[in-house]
Each structure stands twice: as C-alpha cells, then as structure tokens.
Amino acid sequence: MSEMQEIKFVTLTGFANSMEAGMVKELLENNSISVLMQGGNFAGLEPLPMPGGFSEVKLQVPEGELERARQLYDAFFEERGSALHADKDVPEELQS
C-alpha cells in the first residue's frame, strides 16, 4: 500500500461574499486547481458580518499551486478593475 500524500492548503484571497468567491473558484477549478472555500453560504445565508462591516469568504488552494492561482486571479480580475476583492472600492481612510 502506498501512503496518501497530505496536501497543505493556503489562502489565496478573501471576498466580501460567496458569490464573488464562487466566480474565482470556478475559474481556478476550470484550470485544474483544487479550491476550498471557507466562510461560504450556510443554508442560503451569507456569513454573519464581522467587525469592520463585512464578512469574509476565503479561497484556499494547494500550496504548490498558489503562484499559478495568483496569476490566473490577477489576469482575469485585478487587471480588469473588478470590484471582486473586499477592500478594492473602500476608501483607504475607511479600511480597518
């Protein structure tokens, strides 16, 4: 019998809601990157607000795929000026 190799997952980024995180999750999975979502919907409800005014949904990817996942995320979302990231459109003085 061969031992199963343990995969360490690391956080790629966080989002204000699970719908936005789901878009990135789908992109990564379509490019053969495994993704775990933490803090997503529970029974159709968004996570409860956290101190600072919003809840955060985190996407995690295998540590060995982190760089490729960042490149895909940046290529499809950051360069297009998307409002997907939780702090993107929040004025700097209001960010905690």
C-alpha atoms as a PDB file:
ATOM      1  CA  MET A   1       0.000   0.000   0.000  1.00  0.00           C
ATOM      2  CA  SER A   2       1.201   3.490  -0.726  1.00  0.00           C
ATOM      3  CA  GLU A   3       0.774   6.319   1.725  1.00  0.00           C
ATOM      4  CA  MET A   4      -1.556   9.123   0.735  1.00  0.00           C
ATOM      5  CA  GLN A   5       0.275  12.398   0.380  1.00  0.00           C
ATOM      6  CA  GLU A   6      -1.051  15.201   2.572  1.00  0.00           C
ATOM      7  CA  ILE A   7      -1.757  18.439   0.700  1.00  0.00           C
ATOM      8  CA  LYS A   8      -1.343  21.738   2.528  1.00  0.00           C
ATOM      9  CA  PHE A   9      -3.871  24.405   1.518  1.00  0.00           C
ATOM     10  CA  VAL A  10      -3.063  28.122   1.819  1.00  0.00           C
ATOM     11  CA  THR A  11      -5.265  31.218   1.474  1.00  0.00           C
ATOM     12  CA  LEU A  12      -5.284  32.845  -1.957  1.00  0.00           C
ATOM     13  CA  THR A  13      -7.508  35.819  -1.087  1.00  0.00           C
ATOM     14  CA  GLY A  14     -10.716  36.882   0.652  1.00  0.00           C
ATOM     15  CA  PHE A  15     -14.032  38.220  -0.640  1.00  0.00           C
ATOM     16  CA  ALA A  16     -16.953  40.141   0.793  1.00  0.00           C
ATOM     17  CA  ASN A  17     -19.448  37.432  -0.246  1.00  0.00           C
ATOM     18  CA  SER A  18     -19.625  33.890  -1.541  1.00  0.00           C
ATOM     19  CA  MET A  19     -20.967  34.835  -4.983  1.00  0.00           C
ATOM     20  CA  GLU A  20     -17.756  36.695  -5.805  1.00  0.00           C
ATOM     21  CA  ALA A  21     -15.631  33.914  -4.331  1.00  0.00           C
ATOM     22  CA  GLY A  22     -17.588  31.375  -6.379  1.00  0.00           C
ATOM     23  CA  MET A  23     -16.643  33.124  -9.620  1.00  0.00           C
ATOM     24  CA  VAL A  24     -12.937  32.840  -8.821  1.00  0.00           C
ATOM     25  CA  LYS A  25     -13.376  29.275  -7.517  1.00  0.00           C
ATOM     26  CA  GLU A  26     -14.930  28.265 -10.843  1.00  0.00           C
ATOM     27  CA  LEU A  27     -12.108  29.919 -12.808  1.00  0.00           C
ATOM     28  CA  LEU A  28      -9.451  28.082 -10.811  1.00  0.00           C
ATOM     29  CA  GLU A  29     -11.234  24.721 -10.959  1.00  0.00           C
ATOM     30  CA  ASN A  30     -11.630  25.133 -14.735  1.00  0.00           C
ATOM     31  CA  ASN A  31      -7.833  25.422 -14.810  1.00  0.00           C
ATOM     32  CA  SER A  32      -7.324  22.214 -12.799  1.00  0.00           C
ATOM     33  CA  ILE A  33      -6.603  23.881  -9.440  1.00  0.00           C
ATOM     34  CA  SER A  34      -8.340  22.414  -6.390  1.00  0.00           C
ATOM     35  CA  VAL A  35     -10.099  25.051  -4.271  1.00  0.00           C
ATOM     36  CA  LEU A  36     -11.537  25.093  -0.748  1.00  0.00           C
ATOM     37  CA  MET A  37     -13.969  27.853   0.235  1.00  0.00           C
ATOM     38  CA  GLN A  38     -14.135  28.876   3.903  1.00  0.00           C
ATOM     39  CA  GLY A  39     -16.909  31.030   5.308  1.00  0.00           C
ATOM     40  CA  GLY A  40     -19.296  30.452   2.424  1.00  0.00           C
ATOM     41  CA  ASN A  41     -23.067  30.217   2.456  1.00  0.00           C
ATOM     42  CA  PHE A  42     -24.799  28.223   5.130  1.00  0.00           C
ATOM     43  CA  ALA A  43     -28.416  27.323   4.342  1.00  0.00           C
ATOM     44  CA  GLY A  44     -28.539  30.090   1.734  1.00  0.00           C
ATOM     45  CA  LEU A  45     -27.386  32.837   4.094  1.00  0.00           C
ATOM     46  CA  GLU A  46     -24.211  34.857   3.824  1.00  0.00           C
ATOM     47  CA  PRO A  47     -21.837  34.633   6.778  1.00  0.00           C
ATOM     48  CA  LEU A  48     -22.592  36.983   9.655  1.00  0.00           C
ATOM     49  CA  PRO A  49     -20.931  40.415   9.428  1.00  0.00           C
ATOM     50  CA  MET A  50     -17.552  40.641  11.091  1.00  0.00           C
ATOM     51  CA  PRO A  51     -16.146  43.636  12.924  1.00  0.00           C
ATOM     52  CA  GLY A  52     -15.301  46.191  10.245  1.00  0.00           C
ATOM     53  CA  GLY A  53     -18.607  45.901   8.413  1.00  0.00           C
ATOM     54  CA  PHE A  54     -18.312  42.851   6.186  1.00  0.00           C
ATOM     55  CA  SER A  55     -17.884  39.128   6.399  1.00  0.00           C
ATOM     56  CA  GLU A  56     -15.052  37.414   4.596  1.00  0.00           C
ATOM     57  CA  VAL A  57     -15.112  34.306   2.460  1.00  0.00           C
ATOM     58  CA  LYS A  58     -11.635  32.864   1.891  1.00  0.00           C
ATOM     59  CA  LEU A  59     -10.456  30.746  -1.017  1.00  0.00           C
ATOM     60  CA  GLN A  60      -7.675  28.280  -0.341  1.00  0.00           C
ATOM     61  CA  VAL A  61      -5.564  26.420  -2.894  1.00  0.00           C
ATOM     62  CA  PRO A  62      -2.821  23.787  -2.607  1.00  0.00           C
ATOM     63  CA  GLU A  63       0.432  25.435  -1.545  1.00  0.00           C
ATOM     64  CA  GLY A  64       2.196  24.214  -4.693  1.00  0.00           C
ATOM     65  CA  GLU A  65      -0.459  25.850  -6.906  1.00  0.00           C
ATOM     66  CA  LEU A  66      -0.532  29.232  -5.118  1.00  0.00           C
ATOM     67  CA  GLU A  67       1.603  31.115  -7.647  1.00  0.00           C
ATOM     68  CA  ARG A  68      -0.361  29.824 -10.648  1.00  0.00           C
ATOM     69  CA  ALA A  69      -3.655  30.582  -8.877  1.00  0.00           C
ATOM     70  CA  ARG A  70      -2.483  34.167  -8.193  1.00  0.00           C
ATOM     71  CA  GLN A  71      -1.503  34.593 -11.826  1.00  0.00           C
ATOM     72  CA  LEU A  72      -4.925  33.412 -13.011  1.00  0.00           C
ATOM     73  CA  TYR A  73      -6.726  35.588 -10.468  1.00  0.00           C
ATOM     74  CA  ASP A  74      -4.675  38.667 -11.420  1.00  0.00           C
ATOM     75  CA  ALA A  75      -5.049  38.059 -15.160  1.00  0.00           C
ATOM     76  CA  PHE A  76      -8.833  37.761 -15.069  1.00  0.00           C
ATOM     77  CA  PHE A  77      -9.906  40.032 -12.225  1.00  0.00           C
ATOM     78  CA  GLU A  78      -7.332  42.509 -10.913  1.00  0.00           C
ATOM     79  CA  GLU A  79      -6.284  43.888 -14.304  1.00  0.00           C
ATOM     80  CA  ARG A  80      -9.905  44.496 -15.298  1.00  0.00           C
ATOM     81  CA  GLY A  81     -10.526  46.730 -12.299  1.00  0.00           C
ATOM     82  CA  SER A  82     -13.058  44.301 -10.880  1.00  0.00           C
ATOM     83  CA  ALA A  83     -14.677  45.054  -7.540  1.00  0.00           C
ATOM     84  CA  LEU A  84     -14.317  41.423  -6.519  1.00  0.00           C
ATOM     85  CA  HIS A  85     -11.838  41.951  -3.713  1.00  0.00           C
ATOM     86  CA  ALA A  86     -13.399  43.018  -0.427  1.00  0.00           C
ATOM     87  CA  ASP A  87     -11.312  46.214   0.069  1.00  0.00           C
ATOM     88  CA  LYS A  88     -10.965  47.267  -3.549  1.00  0.00           C
ATOM     89  CA  ASP A  89     -13.519  50.127  -3.619  1.00  0.00           C
ATOM     90  CA  VAL A  90     -13.328  51.094   0.040  1.00  0.00           C
ATOM     91  CA  PRO A  91     -11.564  54.439   0.555  1.00  0.00           C
ATOM     92  CA  GLU A  92      -8.248  53.960   2.335  1.00  0.00           C
ATOM     93  CA  GLU A  93      -9.307  56.019   5.369  1.00  0.00           C
ATOM     94  CA  LEU A  94     -12.287  53.669   5.926  1.00  0.00           C
ATOM     95  CA  GLN A  95     -10.306  50.430   5.706  1.00  0.00           C
ATOM     96  CA  SER A  96      -9.569  48.847   9.071  1.00  0.00           C
END
